[in-house]
């Protein structure tokens, strides 16, 4: 198993990381922060169905999205005008998501009451191929980086995206193996805790075919989420929903919100 290199920038204090990735979003309910997401259109934030349905937070539903958030406690003082808070108007769960197997099609779009000015992420297209070799990916999330449980503050790491053959073996550890390339896997990280509450729904970015980066996957699960004490670890590999497989559904939904 390869160990990821730390990406840096998570403790920049001034939110430079959030300025670099302004589409990254913190999703909250009346009970407080819940999970992460990504602005993919002026009025649409992509996250996991588990988060949007309340599965992660004992029935709490997303009500507020802060796009471009860095630190939910300090942004109002240190970064005024650099983030946008919007109410959630409607939740659109992926039609293939089922509670009995929440690993599959674990996606949802949150329709916002008002459009955002901040630029959305560029989604990986349907033809974007899963890398055949070990590839470096940038991952983002708000979950705690340590056992102190302090969160949410945006952080990023450079993790290794595993080839599908290796990823298939990790997926098998969760039960029936989903179709190939519906999920991506990242290698071990000692600083990115995939199952910290604010990291689920976090973005995985890969180099785009025309330069820049594309949003290729969202964090949905990891061994750290397991109930099995023999595999659970806060620094375990993580699973991501592979977005090119869902390009048709995403395009249809975003067209309806245009």
C-alpha atoms as a PDB file:
ATOM      1  CA  UNK A   1       0.000   0.000   0.000  1.00  0.00           C
ATOM      2  CA  UNK A   2       1.415   3.370  -0.927  1.00  0.00           C
ATOM      3  CA  UNK A   3       1.438   6.171   1.578  1.00  0.00           C
ATOM      4  CA  UNK A   4       0.246   9.582   0.432  1.00  0.00           C
ATOM      5  CA  UNK A   5       2.305  12.721   0.688  1.00  0.00           C
ATOM      6  CA  UNK A   6       0.860  15.613   2.653  1.00  0.00           C
ATOM      7  CA  UNK A   7      -0.545  18.275   0.381  1.00  0.00           C
ATOM      8  CA  UNK A   8      -0.073  21.228   2.680  1.00  0.00           C
ATOM      9  CA  UNK A   9      -2.051  24.403   3.019  1.00  0.00           C
ATOM     10  CA  UNK A  10      -4.638  23.082   5.446  1.00  0.00           C
ATOM     11  CA  UNK A  11      -3.501  25.420   8.216  1.00  0.00           C
ATOM     12  CA  UNK A  12      -2.808  28.546   6.178  1.00  0.00           C
ATOM     13  CA  UNK A  13      -4.890  30.589   8.632  1.00  0.00           C
ATOM     14  CA  UNK A  14      -6.129  32.995   5.968  1.00  0.00           C
ATOM     15  CA  UNK A  15      -8.108  30.599   3.830  1.00  0.00           C
ATOM     16  CA  UNK A  16      -5.762  30.530   0.831  1.00  0.00           C
ATOM     17  CA  UNK A  17      -6.752  26.911   0.254  1.00  0.00           C
ATOM     18  CA  UNK A  18     -10.427  27.867   0.012  1.00  0.00           C
ATOM     19  CA  UNK A  19      -9.535  30.657  -2.414  1.00  0.00           C
ATOM     20  CA  UNK A  20      -7.725  28.115  -4.579  1.00  0.00           C
ATOM     21  CA  UNK A  21     -10.743  25.785  -4.610  1.00  0.00           C
ATOM     22  CA  UNK A  22     -13.724  28.166  -4.226  1.00  0.00           C
ATOM     23  CA  UNK A  23     -16.273  25.517  -5.239  1.00  0.00           C
ATOM     24  CA  UNK A  24     -15.668  23.395  -2.130  1.00  0.00           C
ATOM     25  CA  UNK A  25     -18.713  23.601   0.121  1.00  0.00           C
ATOM     26  CA  UNK A  26     -19.559  22.936   3.748  1.00  0.00           C
ATOM     27  CA  UNK A  27     -23.060  21.509   4.251  1.00  0.00           C
ATOM     28  CA  UNK A  28     -24.895  22.101   7.532  1.00  0.00           C
ATOM     29  CA  UNK A  29     -28.191  21.402   9.257  1.00  0.00           C
ATOM     30  CA  UNK A  30     -29.762  23.122  12.253  1.00  0.00           C
ATOM     31  CA  UNK A  31     -27.624  20.790  14.392  1.00  0.00           C
ATOM     32  CA  UNK A  32     -24.380  22.078  12.863  1.00  0.00           C
ATOM     33  CA  UNK A  33     -21.940  21.057  10.113  1.00  0.00           C
ATOM     34  CA  UNK A  34     -22.630  17.710   8.419  1.00  0.00           C
ATOM     35  CA  UNK A  35     -20.423  16.971   5.425  1.00  0.00           C
ATOM     36  CA  UNK A  36     -18.705  18.392   2.336  1.00  0.00           C
ATOM     37  CA  UNK A  37     -19.799  18.994  -1.242  1.00  0.00           C
ATOM     38  CA  UNK A  38     -18.863  20.843  -4.419  1.00  0.00           C
ATOM     39  CA  UNK A  39     -20.575  23.638  -6.308  1.00  0.00           C
ATOM     40  CA  UNK A  40     -21.130  22.272  -9.831  1.00  0.00           C
ATOM     41  CA  UNK A  41     -23.527  24.953 -11.138  1.00  0.00           C
ATOM     42  CA  UNK A  42     -24.609  28.355  -9.803  1.00  0.00           C
ATOM     43  CA  UNK A  43     -27.578  26.788  -7.972  1.00  0.00           C
ATOM     44  CA  UNK A  44     -26.386  23.202  -7.473  1.00  0.00           C
ATOM     45  CA  UNK A  45     -24.041  21.561  -4.950  1.00  0.00           C
ATOM     46  CA  UNK A  46     -23.079  17.920  -5.392  1.00  0.00           C
ATOM     47  CA  UNK A  47     -22.712  15.751  -2.302  1.00  0.00           C
ATOM     48  CA  UNK A  48     -23.476  12.212  -1.149  1.00  0.00           C
ATOM     49  CA  UNK A  49     -26.987  10.802  -0.930  1.00  0.00           C
ATOM     50  CA  UNK A  50     -26.130   9.550   2.561  1.00  0.00           C
ATOM     51  CA  UNK A  51     -25.530  13.129   3.688  1.00  0.00           C
ATOM     52  CA  UNK A  52     -28.468  14.644   1.819  1.00  0.00           C
ATOM     53  CA  UNK A  53     -30.925  12.039   3.123  1.00  0.00           C
ATOM     54  CA  UNK A  54     -29.935  12.501   6.753  1.00  0.00           C
ATOM     55  CA  UNK A  55     -28.392   9.034   6.999  1.00  0.00           C
ATOM     56  CA  UNK A  56     -25.117  10.425   8.374  1.00  0.00           C
ATOM     57  CA  UNK A  57     -26.586  12.711  11.013  1.00  0.00           C
ATOM     58  CA  UNK A  58     -29.467  10.889  12.682  1.00  0.00           C
ATOM     59  CA  UNK A  59     -32.112  12.285  10.398  1.00  0.00           C
ATOM     60  CA  UNK A  60     -30.737  15.824  10.110  1.00  0.00           C
ATOM     61  CA  UNK A  61     -31.266  17.205   6.613  1.00  0.00           C
ATOM     62  CA  UNK A  62     -29.056  19.756   4.821  1.00  0.00           C
ATOM     63  CA  UNK A  63     -30.407  23.254   5.219  1.00  0.00           C
ATOM     64  CA  UNK A  64     -27.452  25.552   4.610  1.00  0.00           C
ATOM     65  CA  UNK A  65     -24.517  25.401   2.201  1.00  0.00           C
ATOM     66  CA  UNK A  66     -21.440  27.603   2.590  1.00  0.00           C
ATOM     67  CA  UNK A  67     -19.610  27.690  -0.734  1.00  0.00           C
ATOM     68  CA  UNK A  68     -15.945  28.616  -0.510  1.00  0.00           C
ATOM     69  CA  UNK A  69     -15.822  27.974   3.244  1.00  0.00           C
ATOM     70  CA  UNK A  70     -12.465  27.618   4.974  1.00  0.00           C
ATOM     71  CA  UNK A  71     -13.152  27.749   8.723  1.00  0.00           C
ATOM     72  CA  UNK A  72     -16.794  28.035   9.772  1.00  0.00           C
ATOM     73  CA  UNK A  73     -15.872  29.854  12.971  1.00  0.00           C
ATOM     74  CA  UNK A  74     -13.396  32.378  11.560  1.00  0.00           C
ATOM     75  CA  UNK A  75     -14.484  33.114   7.994  1.00  0.00           C
ATOM     76  CA  UNK A  76     -16.864  35.920   9.011  1.00  0.00           C
ATOM     77  CA  UNK A  77     -13.928  37.785  10.579  1.00  0.00           C
ATOM     78  CA  UNK A  78     -11.006  36.852   8.324  1.00  0.00           C
ATOM     79  CA  UNK A  79     -12.579  36.255   4.903  1.00  0.00           C
ATOM     80  CA  UNK A  80     -15.636  38.489   4.501  1.00  0.00           C
ATOM     81  CA  UNK A  81     -16.944  38.462   0.946  1.00  0.00           C
ATOM     82  CA  UNK A  82     -14.924  35.376  -0.053  1.00  0.00           C
ATOM     83  CA  UNK A  83     -17.611  32.777   0.656  1.00  0.00           C
ATOM     84  CA  UNK A  84     -21.331  32.500  -0.027  1.00  0.00           C
ATOM     85  CA  UNK A  85     -24.003  31.038   2.273  1.00  0.00           C
ATOM     86  CA  UNK A  86     -27.132  29.700   0.602  1.00  0.00           C
ATOM     87  CA  UNK A  87     -30.244  27.904   1.841  1.00  0.00           C
ATOM     88  CA  UNK A  88     -31.150  24.504   0.413  1.00  0.00           C
ATOM     89  CA  UNK A  89     -34.384  24.646  -1.570  1.00  0.00           C
ATOM     90  CA  UNK A  90     -34.616  21.035  -2.750  1.00  0.00           C
ATOM     91  CA  UNK A  91     -32.709  17.751  -2.437  1.00  0.00           C
ATOM     92  CA  UNK A  92     -32.401  15.560  -5.547  1.00  0.00           C
ATOM     93  CA  UNK A  93     -31.206  12.059  -4.669  1.00  0.00           C
ATOM     94  CA  UNK A  94     -29.713   9.837  -7.354  1.00  0.00           C
ATOM     95  CA  UNK A  95     -32.574   7.530  -8.476  1.00  0.00           C
ATOM     96  CA  UNK A  96     -30.342   4.461  -8.142  1.00  0.00           C
ATOM     97  CA  UNK A  97     -29.442   5.073  -4.493  1.00  0.00           C
ATOM     98  CA  UNK A  98     -31.005   2.675  -2.004  1.00  0.00           C
ATOM     99  CA  UNK A  99     -30.747   2.642   1.772  1.00  0.00           C
ATOM    100  CA  UNK A 100     -30.220  -1.135   1.785  1.00  0.00           C
ATOM    101  CA  UNK A 101     -26.929  -0.681  -0.099  1.00  0.00           C
ATOM    102  CA  UNK A 102     -25.909   2.958   0.383  1.00  0.00           C
ATOM    103  CA  UNK A 103     -22.519   2.423  -1.298  1.00  0.00           C
ATOM    104  CA  UNK A 104     -24.025   2.412  -4.794  1.00  0.00           C
ATOM    105  CA  UNK A 105     -25.026   5.617  -6.617  1.00  0.00           C
ATOM    106  CA  UNK A 106     -24.255   7.569  -3.469  1.00  0.00           C
ATOM    107  CA  UNK A 107     -24.885  11.019  -4.956  1.00  0.00           C
ATOM    108  CA  UNK A 108     -27.293  13.891  -4.485  1.00  0.00           C
ATOM    109  CA  UNK A 109     -27.701  17.425  -5.799  1.00  0.00           C
ATOM    110  CA  UNK A 110     -28.711  20.219  -3.467  1.00  0.00           C
ATOM    111  CA  UNK A 111     -30.688  22.926  -5.267  1.00  0.00           C
ATOM    112  CA  UNK A 112     -29.936  26.321  -3.728  1.00  0.00           C
ATOM    113  CA  UNK A 113     -32.443  29.110  -3.209  1.00  0.00           C
ATOM    114  CA  UNK A 114     -30.186  31.640  -4.944  1.00  0.00           C
ATOM    115  CA  UNK A 115     -27.346  31.295  -7.467  1.00  0.00           C
ATOM    116  CA  UNK A 116     -23.722  31.634  -6.392  1.00  0.00           C
ATOM    117  CA  UNK A 117     -21.195  33.950  -7.991  1.00  0.00           C
ATOM    118  CA  UNK A 118     -18.162  31.821  -7.099  1.00  0.00           C
ATOM    119  CA  UNK A 119     -16.980  29.600  -9.969  1.00  0.00           C
ATOM    120  CA  UNK A 120     -18.191  25.977  -9.942  1.00  0.00           C
ATOM    121  CA  UNK A 121     -15.984  22.936 -10.304  1.00  0.00           C
ATOM    122  CA  UNK A 122     -15.408  21.433 -13.727  1.00  0.00           C
ATOM    123  CA  UNK A 123     -17.006  17.991 -13.800  1.00  0.00           C
ATOM    124  CA  UNK A 124     -15.178  15.094 -15.440  1.00  0.00           C
ATOM    125  CA  UNK A 125     -16.997  14.154 -18.638  1.00  0.00           C
ATOM    126  CA  UNK A 126     -18.510  10.757 -19.416  1.00  0.00           C
ATOM    127  CA  UNK A 127     -15.480   9.783 -21.493  1.00  0.00           C
ATOM    128  CA  UNK A 128     -12.971  10.604 -18.751  1.00  0.00           C
ATOM    129  CA  UNK A 129     -11.092   7.345 -18.253  1.00  0.00           C
ATOM    130  CA  UNK A 130     -10.180   5.886 -14.895  1.00  0.00           C
ATOM    131  CA  UNK A 131      -6.345   6.067 -14.745  1.00  0.00           C
ATOM    132  CA  UNK A 132      -4.713   2.724 -15.489  1.00  0.00           C
ATOM    133  CA  UNK A 133      -1.656   3.431 -13.336  1.00  0.00           C
ATOM    134  CA  UNK A 134      -0.964   4.903  -9.918  1.00  0.00           C
ATOM    135  CA  UNK A 135      -1.967   8.551 -10.148  1.00  0.00           C
ATOM    136  CA  UNK A 136      -1.727  11.487  -7.757  1.00  0.00           C
ATOM    137  CA  UNK A 137      -5.090  13.033  -6.848  1.00  0.00           C
ATOM    138  CA  UNK A 138      -5.947  16.077  -4.759  1.00  0.00           C
ATOM    139  CA  UNK A 139      -8.582  15.412  -2.105  1.00  0.00           C
ATOM    140  CA  UNK A 140     -10.402  18.013  -0.030  1.00  0.00           C
ATOM    141  CA  UNK A 141     -12.471  17.823   3.123  1.00  0.00           C
ATOM    142  CA  UNK A 142     -13.451  19.510   6.384  1.00  0.00           C
ATOM    143  CA  UNK A 143     -13.064  16.600   8.787  1.00  0.00           C
ATOM    144  CA  UNK A 144     -10.671  16.520  11.721  1.00  0.00           C
ATOM    145  CA  UNK A 145      -7.049  15.706  10.925  1.00  0.00           C
ATOM    146  CA  UNK A 146      -6.360  14.314  14.394  1.00  0.00           C
ATOM    147  CA  UNK A 147      -7.965  12.641  17.385  1.00  0.00           C
ATOM    148  CA  UNK A 148      -8.878  15.988  18.948  1.00  0.00           C
ATOM    149  CA  UNK A 149     -12.094  16.071  16.919  1.00  0.00           C
ATOM    150  CA  UNK A 150     -11.723  19.788  16.140  1.00  0.00           C
ATOM    151  CA  UNK A 151     -13.376  20.653  12.839  1.00  0.00           C
ATOM    152  CA  UNK A 152     -14.488  21.919  10.378  1.00  0.00           C
ATOM    153  CA  UNK A 153     -11.609  23.580   8.607  1.00  0.00           C
ATOM    154  CA  UNK A 154     -10.816  22.888   4.983  1.00  0.00           C
ATOM    155  CA  UNK A 155      -7.727  20.808   4.308  1.00  0.00           C
ATOM    156  CA  UNK A 156      -6.261  19.008   1.323  1.00  0.00           C
ATOM    157  CA  UNK A 157      -3.883  16.163   0.642  1.00  0.00           C
ATOM    158  CA  UNK A 158      -2.213  14.620  -2.386  1.00  0.00           C
ATOM    159  CA  UNK A 159      -3.227  10.962  -2.312  1.00  0.00           C
ATOM    160  CA  UNK A 160      -2.489   8.073  -4.633  1.00  0.00           C
ATOM    161  CA  UNK A 161      -5.433   6.953  -6.759  1.00  0.00           C
ATOM    162  CA  UNK A 162      -5.217   3.180  -7.011  1.00  0.00           C
ATOM    163  CA  UNK A 163      -5.671   1.323 -10.324  1.00  0.00           C
ATOM    164  CA  UNK A 164      -9.060  -0.323 -10.735  1.00  0.00           C
ATOM    165  CA  UNK A 165      -7.648  -3.834 -10.245  1.00  0.00           C
ATOM    166  CA  UNK A 166      -6.439  -2.915  -6.749  1.00  0.00           C
ATOM    167  CA  UNK A 167      -9.550  -0.906  -6.036  1.00  0.00           C
ATOM    168  CA  UNK A 168     -11.753  -3.896  -6.905  1.00  0.00           C
ATOM    169  CA  UNK A 169     -10.173  -5.864  -4.085  1.00  0.00           C
ATOM    170  CA  UNK A 170     -10.875  -3.091  -1.586  1.00  0.00           C
ATOM    171  CA  UNK A 171     -14.467  -2.811  -2.768  1.00  0.00           C
ATOM    172  CA  UNK A 172     -14.907  -6.542  -2.248  1.00  0.00           C
ATOM    173  CA  UNK A 173     -14.159  -6.108   1.445  1.00  0.00           C
ATOM    174  CA  UNK A 174     -17.472  -4.292   1.797  1.00  0.00           C
ATOM    175  CA  UNK A 175     -19.605  -7.108   0.373  1.00  0.00           C
ATOM    176  CA  UNK A 176     -20.819  -7.679  -3.201  1.00  0.00           C
ATOM    177  CA  UNK A 177     -18.461  -6.008  -5.644  1.00  0.00           C
ATOM    178  CA  UNK A 178     -20.084  -3.051  -7.466  1.00  0.00           C
ATOM    179  CA  UNK A 179     -19.533  -2.700 -11.221  1.00  0.00           C
ATOM    180  CA  UNK A 180     -15.982  -1.762 -12.169  1.00  0.00           C
ATOM    181  CA  UNK A 181     -15.104   1.905 -12.037  1.00  0.00           C
ATOM    182  CA  UNK A 182     -18.256   3.023 -10.238  1.00  0.00           C
ATOM    183  CA  UNK A 183     -15.979   3.634  -7.271  1.00  0.00           C
ATOM    184  CA  UNK A 184     -12.435   4.932  -6.997  1.00  0.00           C
ATOM    185  CA  UNK A 185      -9.957   4.172  -4.217  1.00  0.00           C
ATOM    186  CA  UNK A 186      -7.181   6.209  -2.675  1.00  0.00           C
ATOM    187  CA  UNK A 187      -4.191   4.796  -0.861  1.00  0.00           C
ATOM    188  CA  UNK A 188      -3.278   5.228   2.797  1.00  0.00           C
ATOM    189  CA  UNK A 189      -2.945   8.718   4.235  1.00  0.00           C
ATOM    190  CA  UNK A 190      -1.636   9.576   7.670  1.00  0.00           C
ATOM    191  CA  UNK A 191      -3.179  13.044   7.633  1.00  0.00           C
ATOM    192  CA  UNK A 192      -6.442  12.774   5.673  1.00  0.00           C
ATOM    193  CA  UNK A 193      -9.038  11.005   7.792  1.00  0.00           C
ATOM    194  CA  UNK A 194     -11.640   9.807   5.285  1.00  0.00           C
ATOM    195  CA  UNK A 195     -14.422   9.081   7.733  1.00  0.00           C
ATOM    196  CA  UNK A 196     -14.179  12.227   9.785  1.00  0.00           C
ATOM    197  CA  UNK A 197     -17.646  13.691   9.680  1.00  0.00           C
ATOM    198  CA  UNK A 198     -16.792  16.754   7.592  1.00  0.00           C
ATOM    199  CA  UNK A 199     -14.788  14.867   4.967  1.00  0.00           C
ATOM    200  CA  UNK A 200     -17.543  12.661   3.529  1.00  0.00           C
ATOM    201  CA  UNK A 201     -18.737  14.201   0.279  1.00  0.00           C
ATOM    202  CA  UNK A 202     -15.313  15.762  -0.241  1.00  0.00           C
ATOM    203  CA  UNK A 203     -13.900  16.301  -3.715  1.00  0.00           C
ATOM    204  CA  UNK A 204     -11.288  14.239  -5.533  1.00  0.00           C
ATOM    205  CA  UNK A 205      -9.573  16.209  -8.296  1.00  0.00           C
ATOM    206  CA  UNK A 206      -7.509  14.888 -11.198  1.00  0.00           C
ATOM    207  CA  UNK A 207      -5.644  16.640 -14.035  1.00  0.00           C
ATOM    208  CA  UNK A 208      -8.056  17.529 -16.828  1.00  0.00           C
ATOM    209  CA  UNK A 209      -7.516  16.610 -20.497  1.00  0.00           C
ATOM    210  CA  UNK A 210      -7.146  20.302 -21.426  1.00  0.00           C
ATOM    211  CA  UNK A 211      -5.191  21.451 -18.396  1.00  0.00           C
ATOM    212  CA  UNK A 212      -6.396  22.429 -14.972  1.00  0.00           C
ATOM    213  CA  UNK A 213      -8.257  19.955 -12.796  1.00  0.00           C
ATOM    214  CA  UNK A 214     -11.611  18.188 -12.989  1.00  0.00           C
ATOM    215  CA  UNK A 215     -13.894  16.945 -10.246  1.00  0.00           C
ATOM    216  CA  UNK A 216     -13.673  13.201 -10.802  1.00  0.00           C
ATOM    217  CA  UNK A 217     -15.086  11.650  -7.618  1.00  0.00           C
ATOM    218  CA  UNK A 218     -16.702  12.289  -4.215  1.00  0.00           C
ATOM    219  CA  UNK A 219     -15.666  10.629  -0.959  1.00  0.00           C
ATOM    220  CA  UNK A 220     -18.352   8.164   0.169  1.00  0.00           C
ATOM    221  CA  UNK A 221     -16.793   5.523   2.415  1.00  0.00           C
ATOM    222  CA  UNK A 222     -13.630   4.031   3.883  1.00  0.00           C
ATOM    223  CA  UNK A 223     -12.343   1.299   6.140  1.00  0.00           C
ATOM    224  CA  UNK A 224     -12.405   3.837   8.980  1.00  0.00           C
ATOM    225  CA  UNK A 225     -16.225   3.727   8.685  1.00  0.00           C
ATOM    226  CA  UNK A 226     -16.338  -0.026   9.207  1.00  0.00           C
ATOM    227  CA  UNK A 227     -17.849  -1.713  12.259  1.00  0.00           C
ATOM    228  CA  UNK A 228     -15.213  -4.449  11.957  1.00  0.00           C
ATOM    229  CA  UNK A 229     -12.441  -3.777  14.537  1.00  0.00           C
ATOM    230  CA  UNK A 230      -9.966  -5.767  12.418  1.00  0.00           C
ATOM    231  CA  UNK A 231     -10.114  -3.333   9.495  1.00  0.00           C
ATOM    232  CA  UNK A 232     -11.157  -0.031  11.020  1.00  0.00           C
ATOM    233  CA  UNK A 233      -8.489   2.656  11.268  1.00  0.00           C
ATOM    234  CA  UNK A 234      -8.678   6.450  11.058  1.00  0.00           C
ATOM    235  CA  UNK A 235      -5.917   6.375   8.436  1.00  0.00           C
ATOM    236  CA  UNK A 236      -7.385   3.659   6.214  1.00  0.00           C
ATOM    237  CA  UNK A 237      -7.942   3.809   2.437  1.00  0.00           C
ATOM    238  CA  UNK A 238     -11.112   5.465   1.215  1.00  0.00           C
ATOM    239  CA  UNK A 239     -13.754   4.901  -1.461  1.00  0.00           C
ATOM    240  CA  UNK A 240     -15.027   7.578  -3.829  1.00  0.00           C
ATOM    241  CA  UNK A 241     -18.036   7.629  -6.171  1.00  0.00           C
ATOM    242  CA  UNK A 242     -16.632   7.848  -9.725  1.00  0.00           C
ATOM    243  CA  UNK A 243     -18.500  10.762 -11.339  1.00  0.00           C
ATOM    244  CA  UNK A 244     -17.960  10.070 -15.084  1.00  0.00           C
ATOM    245  CA  UNK A 245     -20.224   7.030 -14.637  1.00  0.00           C
ATOM    246  CA  UNK A 246     -23.003   9.424 -13.626  1.00  0.00           C
ATOM    247  CA  UNK A 247     -22.424  12.109 -16.260  1.00  0.00           C
ATOM    248  CA  UNK A 248     -25.810  11.523 -17.936  1.00  0.00           C
ATOM    249  CA  UNK A 249     -27.796  11.957 -14.722  1.00  0.00           C
ATOM    250  CA  UNK A 250     -25.757  15.003 -13.725  1.00  0.00           C
ATOM    251  CA  UNK A 251     -26.209  16.698 -17.102  1.00  0.00           C
ATOM    252  CA  UNK A 252     -29.949  16.080 -17.004  1.00  0.00           C
ATOM    253  CA  UNK A 253     -30.309  17.508 -13.506  1.00  0.00           C
ATOM    254  CA  UNK A 254     -28.100  20.533 -14.146  1.00  0.00           C
ATOM    255  CA  UNK A 255     -29.973  21.342 -17.352  1.00  0.00           C
ATOM    256  CA  UNK A 256     -33.213  21.435 -15.342  1.00  0.00           C
ATOM    257  CA  UNK A 257     -31.640  23.929 -12.934  1.00  0.00           C
ATOM    258  CA  UNK A 258     -30.192  26.206 -15.625  1.00  0.00           C
END
